[in-house]
Amino acid sequence: MPLFATVSLDDMTFPKELLVEALYNEYVFLCHDDYDPDVDIAPEDYLTMLKDMTYDELVEETDTDEHFTLIEYIEAWG
């Protein structure tokens, strides 16, 4: 018997704060080389917007799917 039980990634949840942090980190990275203040919102405003989102909205904002999973997103940006 394995020491650790297998966990379905479909059932994995992350703290809301971790999703906010990961989304913010990705946004700051993307803005680093391609930020346009006339089009893009400031990173601080994006962070405020993220904090006001529900958990489900945050997951949707990650744009993850079966090819790039939420756990891979968190590993990349969290």
C-alpha atoms as a PDB file:
ATOM      1  CA  MET A   1       0.000   0.000   0.000  1.00  0.00           C
ATOM      2  CA  PRO A   2       1.426   3.433  -0.916  1.00  0.00           C
ATOM      3  CA  LEU A   3       2.475   5.730   1.864  1.00  0.00           C
ATOM      4  CA  PHE A   4       0.427   8.609   0.432  1.00  0.00           C
ATOM      5  CA  ALA A   5      -3.027   8.321  -1.049  1.00  0.00           C
ATOM      6  CA  THR A   6      -3.481   9.492  -4.598  1.00  0.00           C
ATOM      7  CA  VAL A   7      -5.186  12.859  -4.780  1.00  0.00           C
ATOM      8  CA  SER A   8      -7.341  13.753  -7.720  1.00  0.00           C
ATOM      9  CA  LEU A   9      -6.295  17.118  -9.118  1.00  0.00           C
ATOM     10  CA  ASP A  10      -9.955  17.792  -9.875  1.00  0.00           C
ATOM     11  CA  ASP A  11     -10.604  17.781  -6.135  1.00  0.00           C
ATOM     12  CA  MET A  12      -7.586  19.908  -5.229  1.00  0.00           C
ATOM     13  CA  THR A  13      -8.341  23.340  -3.908  1.00  0.00           C
ATOM     14  CA  PHE A  14      -5.946  26.088  -3.018  1.00  0.00           C
ATOM     15  CA  PRO A  15      -6.346  28.951  -0.569  1.00  0.00           C
ATOM     16  CA  LYS A  16      -7.904  31.994  -2.213  1.00  0.00           C
ATOM     17  CA  GLU A  17      -4.880  34.056  -1.182  1.00  0.00           C
ATOM     18  CA  LEU A  18      -2.591  31.720  -3.150  1.00  0.00           C
ATOM     19  CA  LEU A  19      -4.701  32.141  -6.284  1.00  0.00           C
ATOM     20  CA  VAL A  20      -4.613  35.921  -5.854  1.00  0.00           C
ATOM     21  CA  GLU A  21      -0.833  35.836  -5.403  1.00  0.00           C
ATOM     22  CA  ALA A  22      -0.297  33.608  -8.444  1.00  0.00           C
ATOM     23  CA  LEU A  23      -2.524  35.720 -10.694  1.00  0.00           C
ATOM     24  CA  TYR A  24      -0.840  38.894  -9.514  1.00  0.00           C
ATOM     25  CA  ASN A  25       2.632  37.421 -10.059  1.00  0.00           C
ATOM     26  CA  GLU A  26       1.702  36.425 -13.602  1.00  0.00           C
ATOM     27  CA  TYR A  27       0.254  39.872 -14.327  1.00  0.00           C
ATOM     28  CA  VAL A  28       3.355  41.679 -13.049  1.00  0.00           C
ATOM     29  CA  PHE A  29       5.534  39.390 -15.155  1.00  0.00           C
ATOM     30  CA  LEU A  30       3.462  40.031 -18.285  1.00  0.00           C
ATOM     31  CA  CYS A  31       3.432  43.780 -17.645  1.00  0.00           C
ATOM     32  CA  HIS A  32       7.187  43.933 -17.205  1.00  0.00           C
ATOM     33  CA  ASP A  33       7.965  44.094 -20.907  1.00  0.00           C
ATOM     34  CA  ASP A  34       4.623  44.948 -22.438  1.00  0.00           C
ATOM     35  CA  TYR A  35       2.768  47.332 -20.100  1.00  0.00           C
ATOM     36  CA  ASP A  36       0.767  50.063 -21.789  1.00  0.00           C
ATOM     37  CA  PRO A  37      -0.748  52.501 -19.257  1.00  0.00           C
ATOM     38  CA  ASP A  38      -3.290  53.614 -21.852  1.00  0.00           C
ATOM     39  CA  VAL A  39      -4.679  50.090 -22.196  1.00  0.00           C
ATOM     40  CA  ASP A  40      -3.634  48.025 -19.179  1.00  0.00           C
ATOM     41  CA  ILE A  41      -4.677  48.561 -15.597  1.00  0.00           C
ATOM     42  CA  ALA A  42      -1.981  49.224 -13.041  1.00  0.00           C
ATOM     43  CA  PRO A  43      -0.778  46.116 -11.200  1.00  0.00           C
ATOM     44  CA  GLU A  44      -1.990  47.568  -7.890  1.00  0.00           C
ATOM     45  CA  ASP A  45      -5.492  48.021  -9.351  1.00  0.00           C
ATOM     46  CA  TYR A  46      -5.412  44.483 -10.722  1.00  0.00           C
ATOM     47  CA  LEU A  47      -4.522  43.217  -7.256  1.00  0.00           C
ATOM     48  CA  THR A  48      -7.469  45.084  -5.762  1.00  0.00           C
ATOM     49  CA  MET A  49      -9.741  43.585  -8.415  1.00  0.00           C
ATOM     50  CA  LEU A  50      -8.422  40.087  -7.674  1.00  0.00           C
ATOM     51  CA  LYS A  51      -9.079  40.455  -3.951  1.00  0.00           C
ATOM     52  CA  ASP A  52     -12.723  41.281  -4.704  1.00  0.00           C
ATOM     53  CA  MET A  53     -13.252  38.197  -6.890  1.00  0.00           C
ATOM     54  CA  THR A  54     -14.856  34.979  -5.717  1.00  0.00           C
ATOM     55  CA  TYR A  55     -12.882  31.750  -5.635  1.00  0.00           C
ATOM     56  CA  ASP A  56     -14.590  30.506  -8.798  1.00  0.00           C
ATOM     57  CA  GLU A  57     -13.867  33.777 -10.602  1.00  0.00           C
ATOM     58  CA  LEU A  58     -10.201  33.500  -9.636  1.00  0.00           C
ATOM     59  CA  VAL A  59      -9.988  29.966 -10.969  1.00  0.00           C
ATOM     60  CA  GLU A  60     -11.608  31.121 -14.200  1.00  0.00           C
ATOM     61  CA  GLU A  61      -9.130  34.017 -14.422  1.00  0.00           C
ATOM     62  CA  THR A  62      -6.248  31.505 -14.442  1.00  0.00           C
ATOM     63  CA  ASP A  63      -7.552  30.209 -17.776  1.00  0.00           C
ATOM     64  CA  THR A  64      -6.503  26.675 -16.855  1.00  0.00           C
ATOM     65  CA  ASP A  65      -7.887  23.496 -18.364  1.00  0.00           C
ATOM     66  CA  GLU A  66      -7.051  19.804 -18.779  1.00  0.00           C
ATOM     67  CA  HIS A  67      -3.902  20.705 -20.747  1.00  0.00           C
ATOM     68  CA  PHE A  68      -2.543  23.348 -18.347  1.00  0.00           C
ATOM     69  CA  THR A  69      -3.977  22.473 -14.965  1.00  0.00           C
ATOM     70  CA  LEU A  70      -4.545  24.643 -11.947  1.00  0.00           C
ATOM     71  CA  ILE A  71      -1.790  22.863 -10.061  1.00  0.00           C
ATOM     72  CA  GLU A  72       0.646  23.631 -12.900  1.00  0.00           C
ATOM     73  CA  TYR A  73      -0.471  27.244 -12.832  1.00  0.00           C
ATOM     74  CA  ILE A  74       0.161  27.467  -9.082  1.00  0.00           C
ATOM     75  CA  GLU A  75       3.551  25.808  -9.494  1.00  0.00           C
ATOM     76  CA  ALA A  76       4.464  28.357 -12.164  1.00  0.00           C
ATOM     77  CA  TRP A  77       3.149  31.541 -10.537  1.00  0.00           C
ATOM     78  CA  GLY A  78       2.355  30.817  -6.882  1.00  0.00           C
END
